[in-house]
N, C-alpha and C. Protein backbone atom coordinates (compact mmCIF):
# COMPACT_ATOMS: atom_id res chain seq x y z
N MET A 1 23.70 8.20 38.16
CA MET A 1 24.65 7.27 37.59
C MET A 1 25.33 7.92 36.39
N THR A 2 26.64 7.87 36.35
CA THR A 2 27.41 8.48 35.29
C THR A 2 27.77 7.43 34.25
N ARG A 3 27.60 7.82 32.97
CA ARG A 3 27.93 6.91 31.88
C ARG A 3 29.43 6.88 31.67
N ASP A 4 29.98 5.68 31.46
CA ASP A 4 31.40 5.50 31.19
C ASP A 4 31.68 5.97 29.76
N PRO A 5 32.52 7.01 29.57
CA PRO A 5 32.77 7.53 28.21
C PRO A 5 33.53 6.56 27.32
N THR A 6 34.13 5.52 27.90
CA THR A 6 34.86 4.55 27.07
C THR A 6 33.93 3.50 26.48
N VAL A 7 32.69 3.43 26.97
CA VAL A 7 31.72 2.46 26.45
C VAL A 7 30.90 3.15 25.36
N SER A 8 30.96 2.60 24.16
CA SER A 8 30.24 3.16 23.02
C SER A 8 28.78 2.73 23.05
N MET A 9 27.89 3.71 22.93
CA MET A 9 26.47 3.41 22.84
C MET A 9 26.18 2.88 21.44
N PRO A 10 25.30 1.89 21.33
CA PRO A 10 25.00 1.38 19.99
C PRO A 10 24.33 2.44 19.13
N LYS A 11 24.69 2.44 17.87
CA LYS A 11 24.08 3.33 16.89
C LYS A 11 23.24 2.49 15.94
N THR A 12 22.30 3.14 15.27
CA THR A 12 21.51 2.48 14.24
C THR A 12 21.78 3.19 12.92
N ILE A 13 22.13 2.41 11.92
CA ILE A 13 22.47 2.93 10.59
C ILE A 13 21.48 2.38 9.57
N HIS A 14 21.03 3.26 8.68
CA HIS A 14 20.17 2.88 7.56
C HIS A 14 21.04 3.01 6.31
N PHE A 15 21.10 1.93 5.51
CA PHE A 15 21.99 1.98 4.34
C PHE A 15 21.30 1.48 3.08
N PHE A 16 21.80 1.97 1.94
CA PHE A 16 21.40 1.52 0.61
C PHE A 16 22.66 1.24 -0.18
N VAL A 17 22.68 0.12 -0.91
CA VAL A 17 23.82 -0.23 -1.74
C VAL A 17 23.32 -0.34 -3.17
N ARG A 18 24.03 0.34 -4.08
CA ARG A 18 23.64 0.36 -5.49
C ARG A 18 24.74 -0.26 -6.34
N GLY A 19 24.34 -0.95 -7.39
CA GLY A 19 25.27 -1.59 -8.31
C GLY A 19 24.74 -2.96 -8.68
N ARG A 20 25.64 -3.89 -8.97
CA ARG A 20 25.21 -5.28 -9.21
C ARG A 20 25.20 -5.95 -7.84
N VAL A 21 24.05 -5.82 -7.16
CA VAL A 21 23.95 -6.26 -5.78
C VAL A 21 22.78 -7.21 -5.53
N GLN A 22 22.04 -7.54 -6.58
CA GLN A 22 20.98 -8.54 -6.46
C GLN A 22 21.35 -9.73 -7.32
N GLY A 23 21.03 -10.92 -6.82
CA GLY A 23 21.36 -12.14 -7.55
C GLY A 23 22.80 -12.56 -7.38
N VAL A 24 23.49 -11.97 -6.38
CA VAL A 24 24.91 -12.31 -6.15
C VAL A 24 25.13 -12.67 -4.67
N PHE A 25 24.07 -13.09 -3.99
CA PHE A 25 24.12 -13.49 -2.57
C PHE A 25 24.46 -12.33 -1.64
N PHE A 26 24.17 -11.11 -2.05
CA PHE A 26 24.52 -9.94 -1.26
C PHE A 26 23.82 -9.93 0.10
N ARG A 27 22.52 -10.23 0.11
CA ARG A 27 21.79 -10.20 1.38
C ARG A 27 22.33 -11.23 2.36
N GLN A 28 22.52 -12.46 1.90
CA GLN A 28 23.00 -13.51 2.80
C GLN A 28 24.40 -13.22 3.30
N ARG A 29 25.28 -12.76 2.42
CA ARG A 29 26.65 -12.45 2.85
C ARG A 29 26.65 -11.25 3.81
N THR A 30 25.73 -10.29 3.61
CA THR A 30 25.61 -9.16 4.54
C THR A 30 25.21 -9.67 5.92
N LYS A 31 24.24 -10.59 5.95
CA LYS A 31 23.83 -11.18 7.23
C LYS A 31 25.02 -11.90 7.89
N ASP A 32 25.77 -12.67 7.10
CA ASP A 32 26.93 -13.38 7.63
C ASP A 32 27.92 -12.41 8.26
N GLN A 33 28.18 -11.30 7.57
CA GLN A 33 29.12 -10.30 8.09
C GLN A 33 28.56 -9.64 9.35
N ALA A 34 27.28 -9.28 9.34
CA ALA A 34 26.66 -8.67 10.51
C ALA A 34 26.73 -9.61 11.71
N ASP A 35 26.47 -10.89 11.49
CA ASP A 35 26.57 -11.87 12.57
C ASP A 35 28.00 -11.94 13.08
N LEU A 36 28.97 -11.94 12.18
CA LEU A 36 30.38 -12.00 12.55
C LEU A 36 30.76 -10.79 13.41
N PHE A 37 30.23 -9.62 13.07
CA PHE A 37 30.56 -8.39 13.79
C PHE A 37 29.66 -8.16 15.01
N GLY A 38 28.68 -9.04 15.23
CA GLY A 38 27.81 -8.92 16.39
C GLY A 38 26.76 -7.83 16.26
N LEU A 39 26.31 -7.56 15.03
CA LEU A 39 25.31 -6.52 14.79
C LEU A 39 23.91 -7.10 14.68
N ASN A 40 22.93 -6.27 14.97
CA ASN A 40 21.53 -6.62 14.79
C ASN A 40 20.95 -5.74 13.70
N GLY A 41 19.82 -6.17 13.10
CA GLY A 41 19.15 -5.37 12.08
C GLY A 41 18.55 -6.25 11.01
N TRP A 42 18.55 -5.75 9.77
CA TRP A 42 17.96 -6.49 8.66
C TRP A 42 18.53 -6.00 7.33
N VAL A 43 18.30 -6.79 6.28
CA VAL A 43 18.70 -6.44 4.92
C VAL A 43 17.65 -6.99 3.97
N ARG A 44 17.39 -6.27 2.86
CA ARG A 44 16.41 -6.74 1.87
C ARG A 44 16.73 -6.15 0.50
N ASN A 45 16.21 -6.80 -0.54
CA ASN A 45 16.28 -6.27 -1.90
C ASN A 45 15.18 -5.24 -2.08
N ARG A 46 15.48 -4.21 -2.86
CA ARG A 46 14.49 -3.19 -3.22
C ARG A 46 14.05 -3.41 -4.67
N PRO A 47 12.82 -3.04 -5.01
CA PRO A 47 12.35 -3.20 -6.39
C PRO A 47 13.20 -2.43 -7.41
N ASP A 48 13.87 -1.35 -6.98
CA ASP A 48 14.68 -0.55 -7.90
C ASP A 48 16.08 -1.12 -8.12
N GLY A 49 16.36 -2.31 -7.58
CA GLY A 49 17.64 -2.96 -7.80
C GLY A 49 18.68 -2.74 -6.70
N ARG A 50 18.36 -1.87 -5.76
CA ARG A 50 19.28 -1.64 -4.65
C ARG A 50 19.05 -2.65 -3.54
N VAL A 51 20.01 -2.73 -2.63
CA VAL A 51 19.86 -3.47 -1.39
C VAL A 51 19.75 -2.44 -0.28
N GLU A 52 18.80 -2.64 0.63
CA GLU A 52 18.56 -1.73 1.75
C GLU A 52 18.73 -2.50 3.04
N GLY A 53 19.18 -1.82 4.07
CA GLY A 53 19.28 -2.47 5.36
C GLY A 53 19.40 -1.50 6.50
N MET A 54 19.29 -2.04 7.68
CA MET A 54 19.54 -1.31 8.92
C MET A 54 20.45 -2.18 9.77
N ALA A 55 21.40 -1.54 10.42
CA ALA A 55 22.33 -2.27 11.28
C ALA A 55 22.49 -1.49 12.57
N GLN A 56 22.58 -2.22 13.66
CA GLN A 56 22.70 -1.58 14.97
C GLN A 56 23.81 -2.24 15.77
N GLY A 57 24.64 -1.42 16.38
CA GLY A 57 25.71 -1.93 17.20
C GLY A 57 26.72 -0.85 17.51
N PRO A 58 27.86 -1.23 18.09
CA PRO A 58 28.89 -0.25 18.42
C PRO A 58 29.63 0.24 17.18
N ASP A 59 30.20 1.43 17.28
CA ASP A 59 30.90 2.05 16.15
C ASP A 59 31.92 1.15 15.44
N PRO A 60 32.83 0.48 16.16
CA PRO A 60 33.83 -0.33 15.45
C PRO A 60 33.21 -1.44 14.59
N ALA A 61 32.16 -2.07 15.09
CA ALA A 61 31.49 -3.14 14.34
C ALA A 61 30.76 -2.56 13.13
N LEU A 62 30.12 -1.41 13.31
CA LEU A 62 29.43 -0.76 12.19
C LEU A 62 30.43 -0.34 11.12
N GLU A 63 31.57 0.16 11.53
CA GLU A 63 32.59 0.57 10.55
C GLU A 63 33.11 -0.64 9.78
N SER A 64 33.24 -1.77 10.45
CA SER A 64 33.66 -3.00 9.76
C SER A 64 32.64 -3.41 8.71
N LEU A 65 31.35 -3.34 9.07
CA LEU A 65 30.30 -3.66 8.10
C LEU A 65 30.33 -2.67 6.95
N ARG A 66 30.49 -1.40 7.24
CA ARG A 66 30.54 -0.36 6.20
C ARG A 66 31.64 -0.66 5.19
N GLU A 67 32.81 -0.99 5.68
CA GLU A 67 33.93 -1.30 4.78
C GLU A 67 33.62 -2.53 3.92
N TRP A 68 32.96 -3.53 4.52
CA TRP A 68 32.60 -4.71 3.75
C TRP A 68 31.56 -4.37 2.68
N LEU A 69 30.55 -3.56 3.05
CA LEU A 69 29.49 -3.19 2.10
C LEU A 69 30.03 -2.44 0.89
N LYS A 70 31.13 -1.74 1.05
CA LYS A 70 31.73 -1.02 -0.08
C LYS A 70 32.23 -1.98 -1.16
N ARG A 71 32.52 -3.23 -0.77
CA ARG A 71 32.99 -4.25 -1.71
C ARG A 71 31.91 -5.28 -2.01
N GLY A 72 31.27 -5.79 -0.95
CA GLY A 72 30.28 -6.84 -1.09
C GLY A 72 30.92 -8.18 -1.37
N PRO A 73 30.11 -9.18 -1.70
CA PRO A 73 30.63 -10.51 -2.01
C PRO A 73 31.35 -10.49 -3.36
N PRO A 74 32.10 -11.56 -3.66
CA PRO A 74 32.93 -11.57 -4.88
C PRO A 74 32.21 -11.25 -6.19
N MET A 75 30.99 -11.69 -6.38
CA MET A 75 30.30 -11.46 -7.66
C MET A 75 29.61 -10.10 -7.75
N ALA A 76 29.58 -9.35 -6.64
CA ALA A 76 28.92 -8.04 -6.63
C ALA A 76 29.82 -6.98 -7.26
N ARG A 77 29.19 -5.90 -7.68
CA ARG A 77 29.91 -4.71 -8.13
C ARG A 77 29.21 -3.51 -7.51
N VAL A 78 29.75 -3.04 -6.41
CA VAL A 78 29.15 -1.93 -5.67
C VAL A 78 29.55 -0.62 -6.33
N LEU A 79 28.53 0.17 -6.68
CA LEU A 79 28.76 1.49 -7.29
C LEU A 79 28.61 2.61 -6.28
N ALA A 80 27.74 2.42 -5.29
CA ALA A 80 27.52 3.47 -4.30
C ALA A 80 26.97 2.87 -3.02
N LEU A 81 27.35 3.49 -1.90
CA LEU A 81 26.83 3.12 -0.60
C LEU A 81 26.35 4.39 0.09
N ASP A 82 25.06 4.44 0.40
CA ASP A 82 24.50 5.53 1.21
C ASP A 82 24.39 5.01 2.62
N TRP A 83 24.93 5.73 3.58
CA TRP A 83 25.08 5.27 4.96
C TRP A 83 24.73 6.41 5.88
N ASN A 84 23.62 6.31 6.61
CA ASN A 84 23.16 7.41 7.46
C ASN A 84 22.71 6.92 8.81
N GLU A 85 23.13 7.63 9.85
CA GLU A 85 22.65 7.30 11.18
C GLU A 85 21.17 7.68 11.27
N THR A 86 20.41 6.85 11.97
CA THR A 86 18.98 7.08 12.10
C THR A 86 18.56 6.86 13.54
N GLU A 87 17.27 7.05 13.81
CA GLU A 87 16.76 6.84 15.16
C GLU A 87 16.96 5.39 15.59
N ALA A 88 17.22 5.22 16.86
CA ALA A 88 17.42 3.87 17.41
C ALA A 88 16.17 3.03 17.19
N ALA A 89 16.39 1.77 16.95
CA ALA A 89 15.31 0.80 16.79
C ALA A 89 15.67 -0.42 17.62
N GLU A 90 14.70 -1.27 17.87
CA GLU A 90 14.95 -2.48 18.65
C GLU A 90 15.07 -3.68 17.72
N PHE A 91 16.24 -4.28 17.69
CA PHE A 91 16.48 -5.49 16.92
C PHE A 91 17.08 -6.52 17.87
N THR A 92 16.72 -7.77 17.68
CA THR A 92 17.27 -8.82 18.53
C THR A 92 18.23 -9.75 17.79
N ALA A 93 18.29 -9.60 16.47
CA ALA A 93 19.17 -10.42 15.63
C ALA A 93 19.32 -9.69 14.30
N PHE A 94 20.06 -10.27 13.38
CA PHE A 94 20.17 -9.70 12.02
C PHE A 94 19.45 -10.68 11.10
N GLU A 95 18.50 -10.16 10.31
CA GLU A 95 17.71 -11.04 9.45
C GLU A 95 17.69 -10.57 8.01
N VAL A 96 17.48 -11.54 7.13
CA VAL A 96 17.28 -11.27 5.70
C VAL A 96 15.78 -11.19 5.49
N LYS A 97 15.31 -10.04 5.00
CA LYS A 97 13.89 -9.87 4.71
C LYS A 97 13.63 -10.16 3.25
N LYS A 98 12.42 -10.62 2.96
CA LYS A 98 12.01 -10.88 1.57
C LYS A 98 11.66 -9.59 0.90
């Protein structure tokens, strides 16, 4: 069976967002955006003040999330976004982790 080159295989991205990203609804708004773009994965606050997450889906949807993460919700101030492709994982939805 030959794979259709026009069909994008889902990728898994591991990301960290640094800046004023905790206490500004960043995790919930990230979930809202991921749901809007049809992505699966998770997002959580880190003890060092960053937000960490993994997102899985097709390239166009991941790029849309990436562009949103560079800004975040209105009260956030994003200083840096680390965005790296990682090994595939199995996710069935996008969740906010504690």
